[in-house]
Protein backbone atom coordinates (compact mmCIF):
# COMPACT_ATOMS: atom_id res chain seq x y z
CA MET A 1 0.01 0.38 -0.03
CA MET A 2 2.75 2.54 0.94
CA VAL A 3 4.61 2.02 -2.57
CA THR A 4 1.41 2.27 -4.57
CA LEU A 5 0.00 5.15 -2.68
CA ASP A 6 3.22 7.20 -2.96
CA GLY A 7 2.93 6.42 -6.72
CA THR A 8 -0.21 8.72 -7.11
CA ILE A 9 0.13 11.01 -3.81
CA VAL A 10 3.13 12.85 -4.63
CA ALA A 11 1.49 14.16 -7.93
CA VAL A 12 -0.86 15.97 -5.98
CA ALA A 13 1.94 17.58 -3.52
CA ASN A 14 4.46 18.66 -6.47
CA PRO A 15 2.71 22.26 -6.68
CA ALA A 16 3.16 22.62 -2.74
CA ILE A 17 6.59 21.34 -3.10
CA GLN A 18 7.63 23.55 -5.88
CA LYS A 19 5.89 26.75 -4.13
CA ASP A 20 7.42 25.91 -0.61
CA LEU A 21 10.88 24.99 -1.62
CA GLY A 22 11.50 27.49 -4.41
CA ALA A 23 11.95 24.58 -6.95
CA SER A 24 12.20 24.57 -10.52
CA LEU A 25 10.11 22.61 -13.03
CA ALA A 26 13.14 20.40 -13.59
CA ASP A 27 13.59 19.87 -9.75
CA VAL A 28 9.71 18.68 -9.50
CA GLN A 29 10.09 16.25 -12.41
CA TRP A 30 13.35 14.53 -10.79
CA ILE A 31 11.24 14.41 -7.50
CA THR A 32 8.83 11.91 -9.72
CA ASN A 33 11.73 10.71 -12.10
CA GLY A 34 14.50 10.02 -9.27
CA TYR A 35 11.78 7.68 -7.30
CA LEU A 36 10.94 6.10 -10.53
CA LEU A 37 14.36 5.39 -11.61
CA ALA A 38 15.67 4.07 -8.95
CA LEU A 39 12.64 1.66 -8.57
CA ALA A 40 12.66 0.37 -12.15
CA VAL A 41 16.20 -0.19 -11.73
CA SER A 42 16.78 -2.18 -8.71
CA LEU A 43 13.54 -4.51 -8.70
CA ILE A 44 14.92 -7.66 -10.19
CA THR A 45 18.36 -7.35 -8.04
CA ALA A 46 15.81 -6.59 -5.30
CA GLY A 47 13.95 -9.89 -5.85
CA LYS A 48 17.46 -11.74 -6.03
CA LEU A 49 18.02 -10.41 -2.62
CA GLY A 50 15.03 -12.02 -1.35
CA ASP A 51 15.86 -15.18 -2.88
CA ARG A 52 19.47 -15.24 -1.49
CA PHE A 53 18.52 -14.05 2.17
CA GLY A 54 14.87 -14.50 2.39
CA HIS A 55 11.86 -12.54 1.55
CA ARG A 56 10.79 -12.03 5.32
CA GLN A 57 14.03 -10.24 5.84
CA THR A 58 14.01 -8.35 2.28
CA PHE A 59 10.33 -7.16 3.17
CA LEU A 60 10.99 -6.02 6.68
CA ILE A 61 14.00 -3.97 5.55
CA GLY A 62 12.21 -2.42 2.84
CA ILE A 63 9.38 -1.39 5.25
CA ALA A 64 11.67 0.22 7.90
CA GLY A 65 13.70 2.03 5.01
CA PHE A 66 10.75 3.30 3.17
CA ALA A 67 9.17 4.58 6.37
CA VAL A 68 12.25 6.35 7.58
CA SER A 69 13.01 8.08 4.01
CA SER A 70 9.60 9.22 3.76
CA ALA A 71 9.93 10.93 7.37
CA ALA A 72 13.25 12.45 6.06
CA ILE A 73 11.55 13.81 3.02
CA GLY A 74 8.92 15.47 5.30
CA LEU A 75 11.79 16.99 7.30
CA SER A 76 13.93 18.08 4.33
CA THR A 77 14.56 21.99 3.85
CA GLY A 78 15.47 21.97 0.41
CA VAL A 79 14.47 20.42 -2.73
CA GLU A 80 18.15 18.50 -3.34
CA LEU A 81 17.22 16.53 0.07
CA VAL A 82 13.79 15.87 -1.29
CA ILE A 83 15.31 14.21 -4.12
CA GLY A 84 17.78 12.36 -2.81
CA PHE A 85 15.32 10.75 -0.09
CA ARG A 86 13.13 10.12 -2.96
CA VAL A 87 15.72 7.90 -4.49
CA ALA A 88 16.11 6.06 -1.25
CA GLN A 89 12.18 5.55 -1.15
CA GLY A 90 12.75 3.68 -4.70
CA LEU A 91 15.50 1.79 -3.71
CA PHE A 92 13.60 0.49 -0.54
CA GLY A 93 10.38 0.20 -2.49
CA ALA A 94 12.00 -2.04 -4.62
CA LEU A 95 12.84 -4.22 -2.01
CA LEU A 96 9.27 -4.49 -0.92
CA MET A 97 7.60 -5.16 -4.02
CA PRO A 98 9.28 -8.32 -5.23
CA ALA A 99 9.48 -9.65 -1.54
CA ALA A 100 5.71 -9.20 -1.24
CA LEU A 101 4.94 -11.50 -4.10
CA GLY A 102 7.45 -13.97 -3.24
CA LEU A 103 6.20 -14.08 0.45
CA LEU A 104 2.84 -14.87 -1.27
CA ARG A 105 4.19 -17.35 -3.61
CA ALA A 106 5.97 -19.29 -0.78
CA THR A 107 3.37 -19.36 1.66
CA PHE A 108 -0.13 -20.25 -0.28
CA PRO A 109 -0.52 -23.53 -1.97
CA ALA A 110 -1.89 -23.58 -5.73
CA GLU A 111 -5.49 -23.60 -4.95
CA LYS A 112 -5.22 -20.60 -2.48
CA LEU A 113 -2.35 -18.48 -4.35
CA ASN A 114 -4.83 -16.71 -7.15
CA MET A 115 -7.11 -15.76 -4.18
CA ALA A 116 -4.27 -14.27 -2.14
CA ILE A 117 -2.78 -12.37 -5.31
CA GLY A 118 -6.27 -11.32 -5.59
CA ILE A 119 -6.21 -9.55 -2.32
CA TRP A 120 -3.07 -8.03 -3.24
CA GLY A 121 -4.53 -6.66 -6.17
CA MET A 122 -7.37 -5.45 -4.21
CA VAL A 123 -4.97 -3.41 -2.02
CA ILE A 124 -3.17 -1.94 -4.93
CA GLY A 125 -6.76 -0.72 -6.33
CA ALA A 126 -7.57 0.55 -3.18
CA SER A 127 -4.38 2.57 -2.38
CA THR A 128 -4.37 3.81 -5.96
CA ALA A 129 -7.82 5.26 -5.40
CA ALA A 130 -6.66 6.76 -1.74
CA GLY A 131 -3.68 8.72 -3.03
CA PRO A 132 -5.44 11.34 -5.00
CA ILE A 133 -8.24 12.06 -2.35
CA VAL A 134 -5.78 11.60 0.57
CA GLY A 135 -3.12 13.62 -1.11
CA GLY A 136 -5.24 16.58 -1.88
CA LEU A 137 -6.69 16.57 1.45
CA LEU A 138 -3.69 16.49 3.21
CA VAL A 139 -1.96 19.24 1.00
CA GLU A 140 -5.07 21.07 1.23
CA HIS A 141 -5.96 21.02 5.06
CA VAL A 142 -2.55 19.99 6.45
CA ASN A 143 0.67 20.74 4.38
CA TRP A 144 2.74 18.69 1.74
CA GLN A 145 4.89 17.29 4.27
CA SER A 146 1.96 15.24 5.89
CA VAL A 147 2.06 13.25 2.55
CA PHE A 148 5.07 11.71 3.64
CA PHE A 149 4.72 11.42 7.13
CA ILE A 150 1.55 9.37 6.50
CA ASN A 151 4.15 6.47 5.76
CA VAL A 152 5.53 6.61 8.91
CA PRO A 153 2.56 5.22 10.95
CA VAL A 154 1.57 2.89 8.23
CA GLY A 155 4.99 1.52 8.24
CA ILE A 156 5.19 0.97 11.87
CA ILE A 157 2.16 -1.05 11.78
CA ALA A 158 3.39 -3.31 8.88
CA LEU A 159 6.68 -3.81 10.53
CA ALA A 160 4.81 -4.85 13.87
CA PHE A 161 2.52 -7.32 11.92
CA GLY A 162 5.43 -8.59 9.93
CA LEU A 163 7.58 -9.22 12.74
CA PHE A 164 4.96 -11.45 14.23
CA ILE A 165 3.11 -12.98 11.39
CA LEU A 166 5.73 -13.51 8.47
CA LEU A 167 7.35 -16.57 8.14
CA ASP A 168 10.82 -17.02 6.64
CA HIS A 169 10.31 -19.22 3.50
CA ARG A 170 13.65 -20.72 1.90
CA ALA A 171 14.02 -22.62 -1.32
CA GLU A 172 16.42 -25.68 -0.81
CA ASN A 173 18.32 -24.84 -3.54
CA ALA A 174 18.27 -21.33 -3.25
CA PRO A 175 21.15 -19.09 -4.84
CA ARG A 176 24.39 -18.91 -2.92
CA SER A 177 26.35 -16.13 -4.76
CA PHE A 178 25.58 -12.94 -6.59
CA ASP A 179 26.07 -12.14 -10.03
CA LEU A 180 27.69 -8.74 -9.63
CA PRO A 181 28.51 -8.17 -13.07
CA GLY A 182 24.88 -9.27 -14.42
CA ILE A 183 23.52 -6.80 -11.75
CA LEU A 184 25.78 -3.83 -13.11
CA LEU A 185 24.78 -4.68 -16.88
CA LEU A 186 21.16 -5.24 -16.22
CA SER A 187 20.59 -1.89 -13.92
CA GLY A 188 22.69 -0.07 -16.72
CA ALA A 189 20.32 -1.45 -19.25
CA MET A 190 17.42 -0.55 -17.36
CA PHE A 191 18.66 3.18 -16.24
CA SER A 192 19.25 3.62 -20.20
CA LEU A 193 15.76 2.41 -21.27
CA ILE A 194 13.82 4.32 -18.62
CA TRP A 195 15.93 7.57 -18.94
CA ALA A 196 15.14 7.81 -22.67
CA LEU A 197 11.68 7.18 -22.16
CA ILE A 198 11.27 9.49 -19.50
CA LYS A 199 13.52 12.58 -21.62
CA ALA A 200 12.03 11.52 -25.07
CA ALA A 201 9.14 14.06 -24.56
CA GLU A 202 11.66 16.96 -23.90
CA TRP A 203 14.48 15.97 -26.36
CA GLY A 204 12.37 14.39 -28.95
CA TRP A 205 12.50 10.68 -30.32
CA GLY A 206 14.67 11.69 -33.26
CA ASP A 207 17.13 13.62 -30.96
CA ALA A 208 20.80 12.30 -30.95
CA LYS A 209 20.41 11.75 -27.10
CA THR A 210 17.53 9.87 -26.99
CA LEU A 211 18.79 7.56 -29.65
CA LEU A 212 22.12 7.31 -27.95
CA PHE A 213 20.23 5.96 -24.56
CA LEU A 214 18.00 3.63 -26.37
CA ALA A 215 20.92 2.20 -28.18
CA ALA A 216 23.11 1.83 -25.20
CA SER A 217 19.91 0.08 -23.62
CA VAL A 218 19.85 -2.28 -26.48
CA ILE A 219 24.06 -2.96 -25.98
CA LEU A 220 23.63 -3.66 -22.44
CA PHE A 221 20.82 -5.87 -22.52
CA VAL A 222 22.54 -7.79 -25.19
CA LEU A 223 25.79 -7.78 -22.99
CA PHE A 224 23.84 -8.89 -19.98
CA ALA A 225 22.17 -11.97 -22.08
CA VAL A 226 25.44 -12.92 -23.34
CA TRP A 227 26.84 -12.79 -19.63
CA GLU A 228 23.78 -14.71 -17.99
CA THR A 229 24.76 -17.81 -20.39
CA LYS A 230 28.31 -17.71 -18.92
CA VAL A 231 27.96 -17.73 -15.29
CA SER A 232 27.28 -20.58 -12.66
CA GLU A 233 24.47 -18.84 -10.86
CA PRO A 234 23.06 -15.80 -13.29
CA LEU A 235 20.83 -12.93 -12.04
CA ILE A 236 18.25 -14.03 -14.30
CA PRO A 237 18.36 -17.54 -15.66
CA LEU A 238 17.71 -17.06 -19.06
CA GLY A 239 16.08 -20.74 -19.17
CA MET A 240 12.99 -19.17 -17.19
CA PHE A 241 11.76 -17.67 -20.61
CA ARG A 242 11.78 -21.08 -22.24
CA SER A 243 8.42 -21.08 -20.22
CA VAL A 244 6.07 -19.52 -22.95
CA PRO A 245 3.29 -18.80 -20.43
CA LEU A 246 5.85 -16.97 -18.47
CA SER A 247 7.33 -14.99 -21.17
CA ALA A 248 3.70 -14.26 -22.40
CA GLY A 249 2.70 -13.09 -19.08
CA THR A 250 5.64 -10.65 -18.77
CA VAL A 251 4.81 -9.30 -22.21
CA LEU A 252 1.24 -8.97 -21.11
CA MET A 253 2.31 -6.95 -18.23
CA VAL A 254 4.20 -4.50 -20.23
CA LEU A 255 1.28 -3.98 -22.84
CA MET A 256 -1.06 -3.93 -19.91
CA ALA A 257 0.56 -1.23 -18.14
CA PHE A 258 1.13 0.66 -21.48
CA ALA A 259 -2.36 0.97 -22.17
CA PHE A 260 -3.42 1.75 -18.32
CA MET A 261 -0.85 4.09 -17.01
CA GLY A 262 -0.24 5.80 -20.38
CA GLY A 263 -3.97 6.50 -20.67
CA LEU A 264 -4.56 7.14 -17.23
CA PHE A 265 -1.82 10.12 -17.40
CA PHE A 266 -4.29 12.05 -19.60
CA VAL A 267 -7.34 11.20 -17.97
CA THR A 268 -6.13 13.39 -14.74
CA PHE A 269 -5.54 16.41 -17.03
CA TYR A 270 -8.75 15.93 -18.66
CA LEU A 271 -10.84 16.12 -15.55
CA GLN A 272 -8.64 18.90 -13.66
CA ASN A 273 -7.78 21.09 -16.65
CA VAL A 274 -10.76 20.49 -19.16
CA HIS A 275 -13.46 20.02 -16.78
CA GLY A 276 -11.91 22.18 -14.15
CA MET A 277 -12.06 19.72 -11.18
CA SER A 278 -9.97 19.84 -7.99
CA PRO A 279 -7.40 17.06 -7.24
CA VAL A 280 -9.95 15.56 -4.63
CA ASP A 281 -13.08 15.77 -7.07
CA SER A 282 -10.86 14.05 -10.06
CA GLY A 283 -9.78 11.33 -7.62
CA LEU A 284 -13.33 10.88 -6.90
CA HIS A 285 -14.39 10.83 -10.38
CA LEU A 286 -11.87 8.01 -10.86
CA LEU A 287 -13.44 5.67 -8.20
CA PRO A 288 -15.46 3.71 -10.65
CA LEU A 289 -12.15 2.84 -11.87
CA THR A 290 -10.18 2.07 -8.86
CA GLY A 291 -13.34 0.51 -7.29
CA MET A 292 -14.00 -2.14 -9.79
CA MET A 293 -10.32 -2.77 -9.41
CA ILE A 294 -10.90 -3.52 -5.63
CA ILE A 295 -13.92 -5.44 -6.18
CA GLY A 296 -12.70 -7.27 -9.17
CA SER A 297 -9.44 -8.11 -7.91
CA PRO A 298 -10.51 -11.17 -5.43
CA LEU A 299 -13.34 -12.10 -7.80
CA ALA A 300 -10.53 -12.42 -10.54
CA GLY A 301 -8.69 -14.53 -8.00
CA ALA A 302 -11.32 -17.09 -7.55
CA ALA A 303 -12.31 -17.19 -11.28
CA ILE A 304 -8.64 -17.94 -12.17
CA THR A 305 -8.56 -20.77 -9.39
CA LYS A 306 -11.54 -22.55 -11.05
CA VAL A 307 -11.13 -22.09 -14.71
CA GLY A 308 -7.38 -21.18 -15.05
CA PRO A 309 -5.91 -17.76 -16.09
CA ARG A 310 -6.37 -17.86 -19.96
CA LEU A 311 -10.15 -16.90 -20.49
CA PRO A 312 -10.03 -14.29 -17.54
CA LEU A 313 -6.97 -12.56 -18.92
CA VAL A 314 -8.18 -12.75 -22.61
CA SER A 315 -11.79 -11.23 -21.35
CA GLY A 316 -9.96 -8.52 -19.23
CA MET A 317 -7.76 -7.19 -22.16
CA VAL A 318 -11.05 -7.41 -24.21
CA ALA A 319 -12.80 -5.13 -21.82
CA THR A 320 -9.82 -2.89 -21.74
CA ALA A 321 -9.75 -2.49 -25.22
CA VAL A 322 -13.76 -1.67 -25.24
CA ALA A 323 -13.07 0.61 -22.47
CA CYS A 324 -9.90 2.42 -24.36
CA PHE A 325 -12.00 2.84 -27.69
CA GLY A 326 -14.77 4.34 -25.63
CA MET A 327 -12.62 6.87 -23.77
CA ALA A 328 -11.24 7.77 -27.40
CA ARG A 329 -15.08 9.34 -27.97
CA LEU A 330 -14.89 11.58 -25.01
CA THR A 331 -15.77 15.13 -25.45
CA PRO A 332 -15.07 18.42 -23.44
CA ASP A 333 -18.77 18.26 -22.38
CA THR A 334 -19.20 14.35 -21.52
CA ALA A 335 -21.27 13.78 -18.51
CA THR A 336 -19.96 12.27 -15.36
CA LEU A 337 -22.25 9.06 -16.09
CA ILE A 338 -20.81 8.43 -19.31
CA MET A 339 -16.94 8.90 -18.14
CA SER A 340 -18.01 6.71 -15.11
CA ILE A 341 -19.44 3.76 -17.35
CA TRP A 342 -15.90 3.70 -19.12
CA PHE A 343 -14.05 3.91 -16.03
CA ALA A 344 -15.72 1.15 -14.53
CA LEU A 345 -15.24 -1.12 -17.52
CA LEU A 346 -11.52 -0.47 -17.38
CA GLY A 347 -11.27 -1.35 -14.00
CA LEU A 348 -13.19 -4.30 -14.38
CA GLY A 349 -10.83 -5.56 -17.25
CA LEU A 350 -7.50 -4.67 -15.54
CA ALA A 351 -8.46 -6.51 -12.53
CA PRO A 352 -8.30 -10.03 -13.93
CA VAL A 353 -5.14 -9.03 -16.01
CA MET A 354 -3.06 -7.85 -12.71
CA VAL A 355 -3.86 -10.89 -10.59
CA GLY A 356 -3.82 -13.40 -13.92
CA ALA A 357 -0.64 -12.28 -15.03
CA THR A 358 1.07 -11.86 -12.07
CA GLU A 359 0.42 -15.73 -11.06
CA VAL A 360 1.34 -16.68 -14.41
CA ILE A 361 4.71 -14.93 -14.05
CA VAL A 362 5.44 -16.14 -10.22
CA GLY A 363 3.73 -19.38 -10.67
CA ASN A 364 5.60 -20.34 -13.51
CA ALA A 365 9.02 -19.72 -12.10
CA PRO A 366 10.92 -22.21 -9.89
CA LEU A 367 10.25 -21.48 -6.19
CA GLU A 368 13.98 -20.55 -5.68
CA LEU A 369 13.43 -17.64 -8.45
CA SER A 370 10.02 -16.41 -6.94
CA GLY A 371 11.64 -13.24 -5.85
CA VAL A 372 13.45 -12.63 -9.23
CA ALA A 373 9.90 -13.45 -10.91
CA GLY A 374 8.22 -10.88 -8.57
CA GLY A 375 10.91 -8.23 -9.78
CA LEU A 376 10.25 -9.02 -13.43
CA GLN A 377 6.76 -8.61 -12.93
CA GLN A 378 7.05 -5.38 -11.11
CA ALA A 379 9.84 -4.32 -13.82
CA ALA A 380 7.83 -5.26 -16.85
CA MET A 381 5.00 -2.91 -15.00
CA GLN A 382 7.50 0.16 -14.69
CA VAL A 383 8.66 -0.27 -18.50
CA GLY A 384 5.21 -0.42 -19.92
CA GLY A 385 3.94 2.34 -17.84
CA SER A 386 7.13 4.61 -18.95
CA LEU A 387 6.65 3.42 -22.24
CA GLY A 388 3.08 3.97 -22.62
CA THR A 389 3.38 7.41 -20.78
CA ALA A 390 6.37 8.41 -23.36
CA VAL A 391 4.49 7.07 -26.49
CA LEU A 392 1.20 8.22 -25.97
CA GLY A 393 2.61 11.74 -24.84
CA ALA A 394 4.40 11.91 -28.24
CA VAL A 395 0.93 10.84 -30.02
CA MET A 396 -0.53 13.73 -27.90
CA ALA A 397 2.36 16.19 -28.96
CA GLY A 398 1.91 15.28 -32.44
CA THR A 399 -1.74 15.51 -32.51
CA VAL A 400 -1.70 18.98 -31.02
CA SER A 401 1.16 20.31 -33.19
CA ASP A 402 -0.62 19.30 -36.24
CA SER A 403 -3.84 20.97 -35.52
CA PHE A 404 -3.46 23.49 -32.66
CA GLY A 405 -2.29 26.27 -35.28
CA ASP A 406 -5.06 25.43 -37.81
CA ASN A 407 -7.85 25.32 -35.39
CA TRP A 408 -6.74 28.62 -33.89
CA ILE A 409 -7.03 30.44 -37.22
CA LYS A 410 -10.45 29.05 -37.96
CA ALA A 411 -11.62 30.50 -34.93
CA GLN A 412 -10.44 33.69 -36.29
CA LEU A 413 -8.38 34.53 -32.93
CA PRO A 414 -5.31 37.01 -33.33
CA PRO A 415 -2.36 35.59 -34.94
CA LEU A 416 0.66 34.00 -32.92
CA THR A 417 4.35 34.47 -33.35
CA PRO A 418 6.23 30.89 -33.54
CA GLU A 419 7.26 31.42 -29.92
CA GLN A 420 3.89 32.11 -28.82
CA LEU A 421 2.68 29.11 -30.57
CA ASP A 422 5.10 26.68 -29.27
CA LEU A 423 4.32 28.14 -25.90
CA ALA A 424 0.70 27.52 -26.31
CA GLU A 425 1.12 24.08 -27.79
CA LYS A 426 2.98 22.97 -24.68
CA GLY A 427 0.09 24.03 -22.31
CA VAL A 428 -2.60 22.46 -24.98
CA GLN A 429 -0.86 19.00 -24.45
CA VAL A 430 -2.02 18.87 -20.91
CA GLY A 431 -5.17 20.67 -21.28
CA ILE A 432 -4.31 24.32 -20.08
CA ALA A 433 -6.14 27.03 -22.29
CA PRO A 434 -3.47 29.74 -23.10
CA VAL A 435 -5.74 32.72 -22.15
CA PRO A 436 -3.70 35.98 -21.76
CA GLU A 437 -4.74 38.41 -19.04
CA GLY A 438 -7.23 41.06 -19.92
CA VAL A 439 -8.49 39.45 -23.04
CA PRO A 440 -12.54 40.04 -23.65
CA ALA A 441 -14.70 37.22 -22.21
CA GLU A 442 -15.65 36.02 -25.67
CA VAL A 443 -12.26 35.76 -26.65
CA ALA A 444 -11.24 34.10 -23.55
CA GLN A 445 -13.93 31.42 -24.27
CA ALA A 446 -12.91 31.35 -28.01
CA ILE A 447 -9.21 30.31 -26.72
CA THR A 448 -10.50 28.00 -24.38
CA THR A 449 -12.92 25.96 -26.69
CA VAL A 450 -9.77 26.03 -29.22
CA ALA A 451 -7.54 24.55 -26.63
CA HIS A 452 -10.07 21.96 -24.85
CA ASP A 453 -11.23 20.60 -28.54
CA THR A 454 -7.54 20.33 -29.49
CA PHE A 455 -6.46 18.64 -26.38
CA VAL A 456 -9.51 16.29 -26.40
CA SER A 457 -8.77 15.32 -30.00
CA GLY A 458 -5.22 14.28 -28.86
CA MET A 459 -6.33 12.16 -26.00
CA ASN A 460 -8.84 10.45 -28.11
CA THR A 461 -6.05 9.29 -30.56
CA ALA A 462 -4.07 8.37 -27.75
CA PHE A 463 -6.81 6.37 -26.40
CA THR A 464 -7.11 4.88 -29.74
CA VAL A 465 -3.48 3.64 -29.55
CA ALA A 466 -3.87 2.20 -25.98
CA GLY A 467 -6.93 0.56 -27.45
CA VAL A 468 -4.82 -1.28 -30.15
CA VAL A 469 -2.26 -2.45 -27.87
CA ALA A 470 -4.76 -3.57 -25.56
CA VAL A 471 -6.02 -5.98 -28.62
CA LEU A 472 -2.50 -7.26 -29.00
CA ALA A 473 -2.39 -7.83 -25.26
CA ALA A 474 -5.63 -10.05 -25.37
CA VAL A 475 -3.65 -11.98 -28.47
CA VAL A 476 -0.85 -12.38 -26.04
CA ALA A 477 -3.05 -13.53 -23.47
CA CYS A 478 -3.88 -16.74 -25.42
CA PHE A 479 -0.49 -18.14 -24.53
CA THR A 480 -0.95 -17.92 -20.87
CA LYS A 481 -1.72 -21.12 -18.45
CA ARG A 482 -1.67 -21.65 -14.98
CA GLY A 483 1.62 -21.86 -13.36
CA ASP A 484 3.54 -25.26 -13.57
CA ASN A 485 5.51 -24.68 -10.56
CA ALA A 486 2.83 -23.05 -8.19
CA PRO A 487 2.16 -26.52 -6.18
CA ALA A 488 5.76 -26.09 -4.78
CA GLY A 489 4.91 -23.15 -2.74
CA ALA A 490 2.99 -24.98 -0.27
CA GLY A 491 5.97 -26.98 0.64
CA ALA A 492 8.50 -24.53 1.27
CA ALA A 493 10.62 -24.84 4.16
CA HIS A 494 9.77 -22.48 7.12
CA ILE A 495 13.07 -21.21 9.04
């Protein structure tokens, strides 16, 4: 809950942090990017640490470190400290997430594993829903520091329960050594990939710097794959990917996160900047989505236990695709009821995918690699989310660039210089109408109409692309099946 809550709650606090600490836009971006990079780069290595030293210990260290770094952010007096401790948060969050899946995998037998993962998915849905609402209330009525301080009591409670309840599960043939060159190569590859995706919107996809980092990631991934075939105890045994279901589950998680996180990125701007909602109101309007994830995740776990993952996964991605195509028809004046229907369908479609793809990845991996499998699942989500945000952001930017100038002229508004047009387009890409101060009301209304119509046109195109990706994910889901190694979890050793 802490890690997921922090993914959404901080976005609400960023404007207050910027104002209070006098931070630049680049500083505020680093508050998010530093956390994301540390998390994405470390997930698989953190999973390996859990396989080596035990997921209970890794999980408890992650909880304690996440809570302490959260408190340190709240006590920080400069933006540099905030960024530094956000990186620490990401590193400890990386310890938490694969360890949680490793503990579930080792604790529950096959017939109960899906329900356990379903409850895990329910917690993720609940904390995703709570983030914008809780964050908005805390920032509005307390201060931005309270957004981070809230992790301290949650961490203390989780640590207390974890110390008394969690058992230390160790596989008999757990790894005994570390693949340090593999860790360095994979970390470098993940950093280069995520960094390129983060900066592509600023640099441009054809910019030399973007291409350099993408090329570096490809080279490092290739070197990593070659190295893993030569080391006795590799970080990720490539033989894992001989399992077609595990490979399909990983690809499915990337595609699902692409459609979900990439599309959701624009929904928040649509609600706040086009419909004029506050962060709290926009969070409440997203409750049909997150609410269906909360309700649907345990139900999906029960269904997957009965019929296997393939049918629920395919059905879930089809529902996700229909929801994306439905949201591609939103207008600046769409009523709340219509929005809620598409949001609810999206949540209903995502629930079985979140649960089923996780079970397919973790359940098809050997028990001694359950932490690595958990890290792989989370890393696939991070890569997919970053890729979706970057690609759909480029789609939005391209649509706005192609149509905004023409729409401005058609509305018979005063001509803009190239510099003014470029500045206005950047605002329109997030739904902000570039209305100058002191213009007559009818001119301001015309500018707002042009800006919002252009933004929604770009958003509709982005959701169409997301829908196509969801259809592709439904095809990939046909290659999944129940985890071959899932029954081994019930027999894990307790230490």
